[in-house]
Amino acid sequence: MPSLYNRVAGQSVERLAALSDGIFAVSMTLLVLDLRVPASEAIHSERDLGHALIALLPRLIIFLMSVMTNGIFWVGQQTQLNHFARADRNLAWIHIAFLCWITLTPFSTSLLAEYIHYRIALLVYWFNIVLLGATLYWSWSYATRSQFIGEDAPEDIHAAVVRRIGIAQTLYAAGAALCFINTYYSIAAIVLVQVNYAIAPRFCWGIFSRKSENKRGAGEI
């Protein structure tokens, strides 16, 4: 039987949400550090500056992709936390593990921006996304088994959350597989998946989002 301390530890969902907000804010701020102002020694004219800024476009795309990655997973975690009536020590540590993977996103982003033509860099970035999705699924499954879901949650929310995570991770995996053809194809595919989950358009993959969005409690990827 768990000790008294383990039974009472980590019960505050609000404190967990506060920790999450802080870590996400730092992680998303660190992403921009990979966008460096062109060295002044190489700039001697408007044309030089224009060419230097164009050369930064791949890094800018990776930056925006990672902002969406963090934003989507922040919404996903907050959606789960909003439906938790309570927590325990185990659930708190599951979310700390999730936040650990969030702190890795600046590294995986920088690696991909620096080695954008290499499959290994793209696969490392994708694996970061896999860890995030798997931990969110773990969190929801544990909370469901432990009956931590609030009574006001929609009755079919569990199926909606599981479906959303599963579909999203499948699409991410398909996008990552394109790196064996060209890493730029993978990046484009991942961005399209993220745009779908960020704005839920009423076309193409938006059909997957609508099924979940119609159930307000649906967790993000």
Protein backbone atom coordinates (compact mmCIF):
# COMPACT_ATOMS: atom_id res chain seq x y z
CA MET A 1 0.00 0.00 0.00
CA PRO A 2 1.42 3.45 -0.89
CA SER A 3 2.72 5.56 1.95
CA LEU A 4 0.70 8.53 3.17
CA TYR A 5 3.09 10.90 1.38
CA ASN A 6 2.68 9.12 -1.97
CA ARG A 7 -1.10 9.17 -1.56
CA VAL A 8 -1.26 12.94 -1.02
CA ALA A 9 1.61 14.12 -3.26
CA GLY A 10 1.06 15.74 -6.67
CA GLN A 11 -2.68 16.28 -6.40
CA SER A 12 -2.83 19.87 -7.64
CA VAL A 13 -3.83 20.02 -11.29
CA GLU A 14 -3.55 23.83 -11.14
CA ARG A 15 0.10 23.72 -10.07
CA LEU A 16 0.85 21.22 -12.82
CA ALA A 17 -0.75 23.56 -15.37
CA ALA A 18 1.29 26.49 -14.02
CA LEU A 19 4.54 24.52 -14.34
CA SER A 20 3.53 23.55 -17.87
CA ASP A 21 2.88 27.15 -18.89
CA GLY A 22 6.29 28.25 -17.64
CA ILE A 23 8.21 25.49 -19.41
CA PHE A 24 6.33 25.95 -22.67
CA ALA A 25 7.02 29.70 -22.53
CA VAL A 26 10.76 29.14 -22.07
CA SER A 27 10.92 26.43 -24.74
CA MET A 28 9.11 28.55 -27.31
CA THR A 29 11.31 31.53 -26.50
CA LEU A 30 14.49 29.50 -26.96
CA LEU A 31 13.37 28.50 -30.45
CA VAL A 32 13.96 31.99 -31.79
CA LEU A 33 17.62 31.95 -30.71
CA ASP A 34 18.38 29.77 -33.73
CA LEU A 35 17.47 32.70 -36.00
CA ARG A 36 20.70 34.68 -36.13
CA VAL A 37 21.14 38.13 -37.65
CA PRO A 38 23.45 37.95 -40.70
CA ALA A 39 27.08 38.76 -39.86
CA SER A 40 27.84 42.40 -40.58
CA GLU A 41 31.20 41.49 -42.13
CA ALA A 42 29.39 39.74 -45.00
CA ILE A 43 26.90 42.56 -45.66
CA HIS A 44 28.06 45.42 -47.85
CA SER A 45 24.89 46.32 -49.73
CA GLU A 46 21.11 45.98 -49.79
CA ARG A 47 21.56 43.07 -52.17
CA ASP A 48 23.87 41.25 -49.77
CA LEU A 49 21.38 41.69 -46.96
CA GLY A 50 18.54 40.45 -49.14
CA HIS A 51 20.50 37.33 -50.11
CA ALA A 52 21.41 36.69 -46.48
CA LEU A 53 17.77 36.93 -45.41
CA ILE A 54 16.72 34.56 -48.20
CA ALA A 55 19.36 32.12 -46.97
CA LEU A 56 17.64 32.25 -43.55
CA LEU A 57 14.30 31.06 -44.94
CA PRO A 58 14.88 27.33 -44.21
CA ARG A 59 15.67 28.15 -40.58
CA LEU A 60 12.60 30.39 -40.40
CA ILE A 61 10.40 27.56 -41.68
CA ILE A 62 11.83 25.14 -39.09
CA PHE A 63 11.27 27.79 -36.40
CA LEU A 64 7.62 28.27 -37.39
CA MET A 65 7.13 24.50 -37.58
CA SER A 66 8.42 24.11 -34.04
CA VAL A 67 6.27 26.96 -32.75
CA MET A 68 3.28 25.06 -34.13
CA THR A 69 4.57 21.82 -32.61
CA ASN A 70 4.79 23.38 -29.17
CA GLY A 71 1.51 25.22 -29.59
CA ILE A 72 -0.40 22.10 -30.61
CA PHE A 73 1.00 20.06 -27.74
CA TRP A 74 0.37 22.88 -25.27
CA VAL A 75 -3.29 22.91 -26.32
CA GLY A 76 -3.34 19.12 -26.06
CA GLN A 77 -1.94 19.05 -22.55
CA GLN A 78 -4.12 21.90 -21.34
CA THR A 79 -7.19 20.16 -22.78
CA GLN A 80 -6.37 17.09 -20.73
CA LEU A 81 -5.64 19.08 -17.57
CA ASN A 82 -8.90 20.97 -17.95
CA HIS A 83 -10.80 17.69 -17.78
CA PHE A 84 -8.88 16.23 -14.82
CA ALA A 85 -10.88 16.55 -11.62
CA ARG A 86 -7.81 15.57 -9.60
CA ALA A 87 -4.35 14.09 -9.99
CA ASP A 88 -1.86 12.00 -8.06
CA ARG A 89 1.89 11.60 -7.81
CA ASN A 90 2.09 9.22 -10.78
CA LEU A 91 0.10 11.49 -13.08
CA ALA A 92 2.24 14.45 -12.03
CA TRP A 93 5.42 12.59 -13.00
CA ILE A 94 3.91 11.53 -16.33
CA HIS A 95 3.37 15.20 -17.12
CA ILE A 96 6.86 16.09 -15.93
CA ALA A 97 8.14 13.51 -18.43
CA PHE A 98 5.99 15.20 -21.09
CA LEU A 99 7.53 18.57 -20.19
CA CYS A 100 10.99 16.99 -20.42
CA TRP A 101 10.30 16.21 -24.08
CA ILE A 102 9.09 19.79 -24.55
CA THR A 103 12.44 21.09 -23.29
CA LEU A 104 14.11 18.98 -26.01
CA THR A 105 12.29 20.75 -28.84
CA PRO A 106 14.81 23.64 -29.06
CA PHE A 107 17.58 21.05 -29.50
CA SER A 108 15.77 18.96 -32.12
CA THR A 109 14.78 22.18 -33.90
CA SER A 110 18.33 23.51 -33.94
CA LEU A 111 19.65 20.13 -35.14
CA LEU A 112 17.19 20.03 -38.02
CA ALA A 113 17.82 23.67 -38.96
CA GLU A 114 21.58 23.07 -39.02
CA TYR A 115 21.46 19.75 -40.88
CA ILE A 116 18.26 20.14 -42.87
CA HIS A 117 19.49 17.84 -45.66
CA TYR A 118 20.23 14.91 -43.35
CA ARG A 119 17.65 12.21 -42.64
CA ILE A 120 18.97 11.59 -39.14
CA ALA A 121 18.22 15.19 -38.13
CA LEU A 122 14.66 14.89 -39.47
CA LEU A 123 14.15 11.55 -37.72
CA VAL A 124 15.39 12.99 -34.42
CA TYR A 125 12.83 15.78 -34.76
CA TRP A 126 10.10 13.27 -35.54
CA PHE A 127 11.10 11.08 -32.58
CA ASN A 128 10.70 14.14 -30.35
CA ILE A 129 7.11 14.39 -31.61
CA VAL A 130 6.59 10.66 -31.00
CA LEU A 131 7.71 11.03 -27.39
CA LEU A 132 5.31 13.92 -26.88
CA GLY A 133 2.35 12.07 -28.39
CA ALA A 134 3.11 8.83 -26.54
CA THR A 135 3.36 10.61 -23.20
CA LEU A 136 0.08 12.46 -23.74
CA TYR A 137 -1.57 9.13 -24.55
CA TRP A 138 -0.02 7.61 -21.42
CA SER A 139 -1.33 10.50 -19.36
CA TRP A 140 -4.88 10.19 -20.67
CA SER A 141 -4.95 6.40 -20.32
CA TYR A 142 -3.67 6.56 -16.74
CA ALA A 143 -6.13 9.30 -15.79
CA THR A 144 -9.00 7.32 -17.31
CA ARG A 145 -8.07 4.12 -15.48
CA SER A 146 -7.65 6.04 -12.23
CA GLN A 147 -11.04 7.76 -12.71
CA PHE A 148 -9.53 11.25 -12.59
CA ILE A 149 -11.72 12.57 -15.42
CA GLY A 150 -14.28 15.13 -14.24
CA GLU A 151 -17.96 14.23 -14.21
CA ASP A 152 -18.76 17.13 -16.56
CA ALA A 153 -16.58 15.70 -19.34
CA PRO A 154 -18.46 14.44 -22.46
CA GLU A 155 -19.10 10.71 -22.19
CA ASP A 156 -17.36 9.94 -25.48
CA ILE A 157 -14.29 12.05 -24.78
CA HIS A 158 -12.00 9.05 -24.28
CA ALA A 159 -12.58 7.74 -27.80
CA ALA A 160 -12.14 11.25 -29.23
CA VAL A 161 -8.80 11.81 -27.47
CA VAL A 162 -7.41 8.39 -28.42
CA ARG A 163 -8.53 8.79 -32.04
CA ARG A 164 -7.01 12.26 -32.30
CA ILE A 165 -3.64 11.19 -30.92
CA GLY A 166 -3.57 8.05 -33.05
CA ILE A 167 -4.44 9.78 -36.31
CA ALA A 168 -2.01 12.61 -35.71
CA GLN A 169 0.90 10.33 -34.89
CA THR A 170 0.15 8.20 -37.94
CA LEU A 171 0.22 11.29 -40.17
CA TYR A 172 3.46 12.47 -38.56
CA ALA A 173 5.03 9.04 -39.15
CA ALA A 174 3.96 9.11 -42.80
CA GLY A 175 5.44 12.56 -43.17
CA ALA A 176 8.71 11.53 -41.53
CA ALA A 177 8.99 8.52 -43.86
CA LEU A 178 9.20 10.92 -46.80
CA CYS A 179 12.68 11.90 -45.62
CA PHE A 180 13.98 8.78 -47.39
CA ILE A 181 13.01 10.54 -50.61
CA ASN A 182 13.82 14.12 -49.60
CA THR A 183 13.90 15.83 -46.19
CA TYR A 184 12.10 18.85 -47.62
CA TYR A 185 9.15 16.62 -48.49
CA SER A 186 9.03 15.49 -44.87
CA ILE A 187 9.13 19.03 -43.56
CA ALA A 188 6.34 20.08 -45.92
CA ALA A 189 4.20 17.11 -44.87
CA ILE A 190 4.74 17.76 -41.15
CA VAL A 191 3.86 21.42 -41.61
CA LEU A 192 0.63 20.45 -43.42
CA VAL A 193 -0.31 18.11 -40.57
CA GLN A 194 0.35 20.86 -38.05
CA VAL A 195 -1.63 23.45 -39.99
CA ASN A 196 -4.51 20.98 -40.10
CA TYR A 197 -4.50 20.53 -36.33
CA ALA A 198 -3.88 24.21 -35.66
CA ILE A 199 -6.71 25.66 -37.77
CA ALA A 200 -8.84 22.54 -38.55
CA PRO A 201 -9.68 23.50 -42.17
CA ARG A 202 -12.86 22.10 -43.71
CA PHE A 203 -11.04 20.20 -46.41
CA CYS A 204 -8.61 17.34 -46.82
CA TRP A 205 -7.36 16.20 -43.40
CA GLY A 206 -9.72 18.59 -41.62
CA ILE A 207 -12.24 15.75 -41.60
CA PHE A 208 -10.15 14.11 -38.87
CA SER A 209 -10.20 17.27 -36.78
CA ARG A 210 -13.93 17.90 -37.12
CA LYS A 211 -14.81 14.57 -35.61
CA SER A 212 -12.87 15.46 -32.50
CA GLU A 213 -13.61 19.17 -32.37
CA ASN A 214 -17.34 18.49 -32.32
CA LYS A 215 -16.68 16.94 -28.94
CA ARG A 216 -15.34 19.87 -26.96
CA GLY A 217 -13.17 17.79 -24.72
CA ALA A 218 -11.10 16.26 -27.47
CA GLY A 219 -7.36 16.31 -26.61
CA GLU A 220 -4.82 17.57 -29.09
CA ILE A 221 -1.91 15.54 -30.28
